[in-house]
Structures are given as C-alpha cells and as structure tokens.
Amino acid sequence: MLTTIEKVNIDPNLPLLICDADEVIFQFMESFEHYLTSNSLFFSYKSFKLNGNIINLKNNKPLESEIIPTLITDFFKKYTIKLKLIDNCKKNLKELNKFLNIIILTNMPQEYAHYRVESLRNHDMHYDVISNKGTKGEACLKLSKKTKKPVFFIDDSPNQILSVANRTKNIYKIHFLQHQKLRKILPKIKESDFNTNSWEKVKKKILKIICN
C-alpha cells in the first residue's frame, strides 16, 4: 500500500530493508528509451544523469533542462504500470521478507505513486511504498529509527548512496545496478558498503549479516 514514514508499519524487532524501485526492482531505462523514441528523442549515455543526455533527434541537441521534469512526469504517468521486473528481484525479495521488513522508497511524482503500488501488486509483491522527493538520506534516517535491528538501503543512484551516508553511519548501503549501458558510465562509488548487479548476492550479503 501507499503510505508515509509516519504511518508505515514496521516490526521493531526485525531488520529493515529500504529498497529503491527504478533499476533495482523495475527496468526503468528500457521503457524510458522506448518512450523517448516515441517523442523523437534518445538517451546518449554520455554521463550518469538526465541533464545533457536526452537528445532531440531533429537537431541532435540536448533537451533543455527545464523541460525534463515534465517529461519524466509524463513517462511515469504512461509507463509505471508497464515496467518489467529486474532479473531475480521478486524471488529474492520474497525470501528476504521472511526475515526482515521491506519498504519501497521511490522517487516519482506523488500523483502517480499509486501506479507503483498497483504494478508491484500485479507481480504479487505486496510491500509498503513511500513516495519520496529529492535525496533519501533524511527519509532513511527516520525509517531506521523504527527498528532496533540492522537497516539496509539499496539504490542504483550514487547520489542517493551518498545522501544516506551523509545522514547516518548506521545503515548498510548497497549499490545495485544491472543495466549494462549505465554500468559503463557509472561514476566511482566510495560511500557504499557493497556493490553488485546480482539480487542473489544482495540476499546472501544481507542474510549473512543478520544471521551472524
């Protein structure tokens, strides 16, 4: 269900996994590229950011930065419900959920966050979803105070890993990314505790920590 930090139901006697959605649970870029093509645009993969990488096919120039938020909002409106799952995320989250709380912390327009809940439900993934805006460090700090056990954070964005690292030293930070083109332009990540492109390795790492 769609909820808030204040209202989310977390068992304080269980560990907590705070999990990003796009490129961690859902294949964002594959559908985003299709969306861009349908709007006479393409993604250049020159750097790990949106600004400067969305190119107009008509003049081969980058899209103006002020237009991008509207573009992203329209994409989420039309595509959130259609996104495919990242390889092996469903079964490994299901296994992890036997041992810990799972919260989906996603950055997307609030008005379309219910589509994310619906999409998860369509895949038989019934986790609470919190819609976030901007960096996730403060939200993760607040969520971490709801349990007495270890807290894990997983995200594909180096900036979000840094944000969590800057707000608290008590959260175990996992950087996850499977998308091959994005991995090639990924900046060096110094603040993560574990880097991987495998959900099997995520599961093994978390279970090793909480079961010791």
Protein backbone atom coordinates (compact mmCIF):
# COMPACT_ATOMS: atom_id res chain seq x y z
CA MET A 1 0.00 0.00 0.00
CA LEU A 2 0.99 3.63 -0.45
CA THR A 3 1.91 5.08 2.92
CA THR A 4 4.10 7.64 4.69
CA ILE A 5 7.10 7.48 7.01
CA GLU A 6 4.86 8.39 9.92
CA LYS A 7 2.22 5.75 9.20
CA VAL A 8 4.30 2.87 7.84
CA ASN A 9 4.01 -0.38 9.77
CA ILE A 10 7.46 -1.72 10.72
CA ASP A 11 8.12 -4.53 13.21
CA PRO A 12 10.80 -3.03 15.52
CA ASN A 13 12.12 -6.49 16.32
CA LEU A 14 13.03 -7.25 12.70
CA PRO A 15 15.75 -5.80 10.44
CA LEU A 16 14.67 -3.36 7.73
CA LEU A 17 15.42 -3.20 4.01
CA ILE A 18 14.73 0.19 2.40
CA CYS A 19 14.61 -0.55 -1.32
CA ASP A 20 14.62 1.73 -4.35
CA ALA A 21 12.34 0.83 -7.27
CA ASP A 22 13.66 2.03 -10.65
CA GLU A 23 16.62 -0.06 -11.89
CA VAL A 24 16.51 -2.04 -8.62
CA ILE A 25 13.06 -3.65 -8.86
CA PHE A 26 11.85 -2.28 -12.21
CA GLN A 27 13.66 -1.90 -15.54
CA PHE A 28 13.36 1.85 -15.92
CA MET A 29 15.76 2.63 -18.77
CA GLU A 30 14.47 0.05 -21.23
CA SER A 31 10.99 1.58 -21.21
CA PHE A 32 12.33 5.13 -20.90
CA GLU A 33 14.28 4.66 -24.14
CA HIS A 34 11.09 3.49 -25.89
CA TYR A 35 9.27 6.50 -24.52
CA LEU A 36 11.99 8.88 -25.73
CA THR A 37 11.98 7.35 -29.21
CA SER A 38 8.22 7.83 -29.44
CA ASN A 39 8.83 11.52 -28.73
CA SER A 40 11.67 11.95 -31.26
CA LEU A 41 14.31 11.86 -28.52
CA PHE A 42 17.08 9.49 -27.45
CA PHE A 43 19.38 8.92 -24.49
CA SER A 44 23.07 9.41 -25.26
CA TYR A 45 24.61 7.63 -22.23
CA LYS A 46 27.41 10.18 -22.01
CA SER A 47 27.12 10.55 -18.25
CA PHE A 48 25.16 9.17 -15.29
CA LYS A 49 22.47 11.85 -15.23
CA LEU A 50 19.42 13.00 -17.16
CA ASN A 51 20.51 16.56 -17.90
CA GLY A 52 22.55 16.71 -21.11
CA ASN A 53 21.81 13.10 -22.09
CA ILE A 54 18.31 13.43 -23.54
CA ILE A 55 18.90 14.42 -27.16
CA ASN A 56 16.45 15.80 -29.69
CA LEU A 57 16.60 13.65 -32.85
CA LYS A 58 15.58 16.59 -35.04
CA ASN A 59 18.57 18.81 -34.24
CA ASN A 60 20.85 16.47 -32.24
CA LYS A 61 20.88 18.93 -29.32
CA PRO A 62 20.31 18.17 -25.63
CA LEU A 63 16.82 18.81 -24.33
CA GLU A 64 16.53 21.93 -22.19
CA SER A 65 16.91 21.03 -18.51
CA GLU A 66 13.71 22.84 -17.50
CA ILE A 67 11.67 20.54 -19.78
CA ILE A 68 12.99 17.29 -18.27
CA PRO A 69 10.81 17.23 -15.09
CA THR A 70 7.66 17.47 -17.22
CA LEU A 71 8.99 14.72 -19.48
CA ILE A 72 9.71 12.42 -16.53
CA THR A 73 6.28 13.06 -15.03
CA ASP A 74 4.62 12.15 -18.33
CA PHE A 75 6.73 8.99 -18.55
CA PHE A 76 5.70 7.84 -15.07
CA LYS A 77 2.07 8.56 -15.89
CA LYS A 78 2.13 6.41 -19.01
CA TYR A 79 4.70 3.70 -18.24
CA THR A 80 4.88 2.97 -14.50
CA ILE A 81 2.31 0.20 -14.73
CA LYS A 82 4.14 -1.39 -17.70
CA LEU A 83 7.70 -1.64 -16.37
CA LYS A 84 9.29 -5.10 -16.38
CA LEU A 85 10.98 -6.54 -13.30
CA ILE A 86 14.73 -6.62 -12.78
CA ASP A 87 16.13 -10.15 -13.05
CA ASN A 88 15.61 -12.25 -9.91
CA CYS A 89 14.39 -9.38 -7.72
CA LYS A 90 10.97 -10.87 -6.99
CA LYS A 91 12.07 -14.24 -5.64
CA ASN A 92 14.95 -12.81 -3.60
CA LEU A 93 12.81 -10.10 -2.04
CA LYS A 94 10.24 -12.74 -1.18
CA GLU A 95 12.88 -14.83 0.57
CA LEU A 96 14.30 -11.81 2.39
CA ASN A 97 10.84 -10.80 3.54
CA LYS A 98 10.78 -13.91 5.75
CA PHE A 99 13.50 -12.33 7.87
CA LEU A 100 13.02 -8.56 7.66
CA ASN A 101 10.71 -5.64 6.93
CA ILE A 102 10.77 -4.36 3.34
CA ILE A 103 9.85 -0.78 2.43
CA ILE A 104 9.94 0.56 -1.13
CA LEU A 105 11.24 4.15 -1.09
CA THR A 106 10.70 5.56 -4.56
CA ASN A 107 11.29 8.94 -6.18
CA MET A 108 8.42 9.63 -8.53
CA PRO A 109 5.58 12.15 -8.82
CA GLN A 110 3.24 11.74 -5.85
CA GLU A 111 0.15 11.82 -8.07
CA TYR A 112 1.25 8.64 -9.86
CA ALA A 113 2.78 6.74 -6.94
CA HIS A 114 -0.37 4.59 -6.73
CA TYR A 115 0.62 3.14 -10.11
CA ARG A 116 3.80 1.85 -8.47
CA VAL A 117 1.75 0.10 -5.80
CA GLU A 118 -0.50 -1.38 -8.48
CA SER A 119 2.45 -2.55 -10.54
CA LEU A 120 4.01 -4.27 -7.55
CA ARG A 121 0.67 -5.88 -6.71
CA ASN A 122 0.34 -7.14 -10.29
CA HIS A 123 3.61 -9.00 -9.72
CA ASP A 124 2.37 -10.36 -6.37
CA MET A 125 4.74 -8.07 -4.46
CA HIS A 126 2.81 -6.59 -1.56
CA TYR A 127 5.26 -4.17 0.04
CA ASP A 128 4.53 -0.77 1.54
CA VAL A 129 5.54 2.09 -0.77
CA ILE A 130 6.68 5.54 0.31
CA SER A 131 6.88 8.29 -2.31
CA ASN A 132 9.96 10.47 -1.79
CA LYS A 133 11.19 13.68 -3.37
CA GLY A 134 14.87 14.60 -3.67
CA THR A 135 17.59 12.89 -1.68
CA LYS A 136 16.68 9.92 0.52
CA GLY A 137 19.06 10.40 3.45
CA GLU A 138 16.55 12.06 5.77
CA ALA A 139 13.78 9.58 4.96
CA CYS A 140 16.13 6.65 5.60
CA LEU A 141 17.27 8.16 8.89
CA LYS A 142 13.66 8.45 10.08
CA LEU A 143 12.80 4.93 8.95
CA SER A 144 15.89 3.49 10.63
CA LYS A 145 14.67 4.76 13.99
CA LYS A 146 11.61 2.49 13.74
CA THR A 147 13.61 -0.71 14.32
CA LYS A 148 16.16 -1.92 16.86
CA LYS A 149 17.76 -4.21 14.30
CA PRO A 150 20.12 -3.69 11.32
CA VAL A 151 18.92 -1.45 8.49
CA PHE A 152 19.87 -1.88 4.82
CA PHE A 153 19.46 0.59 1.96
CA ILE A 154 19.67 -0.39 -1.71
CA ASP A 155 19.68 2.04 -4.65
CA ASP A 156 21.14 2.42 -8.14
CA SER A 157 21.98 6.10 -7.67
CA PRO A 158 25.42 7.08 -6.32
CA ASN A 159 23.89 10.37 -5.16
CA GLN A 160 21.32 8.54 -3.03
CA ILE A 161 24.00 6.30 -1.52
CA LEU A 162 25.97 9.45 -0.65
CA SER A 163 22.87 11.10 0.80
CA VAL A 164 22.28 8.20 3.18
CA ALA A 165 25.97 8.06 4.11
CA ASN A 166 25.90 11.76 4.98
CA ARG A 167 22.85 11.42 7.27
CA THR A 168 23.70 8.27 9.21
CA LYS A 169 26.53 5.76 9.70
CA ASN A 170 24.20 3.04 10.98
CA ILE A 171 22.63 2.00 7.66
CA TYR A 172 24.32 -0.65 5.49
CA LYS A 173 24.40 0.80 1.97
CA ILE A 174 24.14 -1.43 -1.11
CA HIS A 175 24.69 -0.02 -4.58
CA PHE A 176 22.83 -2.14 -7.15
CA LEU A 177 22.79 -1.79 -10.93
CA GLN A 178 22.24 -4.39 -13.68
CA HIS A 179 21.76 -2.15 -16.71
CA GLN A 180 24.89 -2.63 -18.84
CA LYS A 181 24.95 0.77 -20.57
CA LEU A 182 24.52 2.59 -17.27
CA ARG A 183 27.23 0.49 -15.62
CA LYS A 184 29.70 1.65 -18.27
CA ILE A 185 29.20 5.32 -17.31
CA LEU A 186 28.79 4.73 -13.57
CA PRO A 187 30.98 7.06 -11.50
CA LYS A 188 33.15 5.59 -8.75
CA ILE A 189 31.16 4.98 -5.58
CA LYS A 190 33.13 5.35 -2.37
CA GLU A 191 30.28 5.54 0.15
CA SER A 192 28.62 2.16 -0.45
CA ASP A 193 29.32 -0.86 1.74
CA PHE A 194 28.62 -3.35 -1.03
CA ASN A 195 28.36 -3.04 -4.84
CA THR A 196 26.65 -5.63 -7.02
CA ASN A 197 24.46 -6.33 -10.06
CA SER A 198 23.07 -9.57 -8.62
CA TRP A 199 19.99 -9.98 -6.43
CA GLU A 200 21.30 -13.36 -5.33
CA LYS A 201 24.39 -11.64 -3.93
CA VAL A 202 22.22 -9.00 -2.25
CA LYS A 203 20.24 -11.72 -0.49
CA LYS A 204 23.35 -13.62 0.59
CA LYS A 205 25.05 -10.50 1.91
CA ILE A 206 22.02 -9.39 3.96
CA LEU A 207 21.35 -12.85 5.36
CA LYS A 208 24.99 -13.25 6.31
CA ILE A 209 24.85 -10.02 8.30
CA ILE A 210 21.54 -10.57 10.08
CA CYS A 211 22.11 -14.26 10.80
CA ASN A 212 25.54 -13.84 12.44
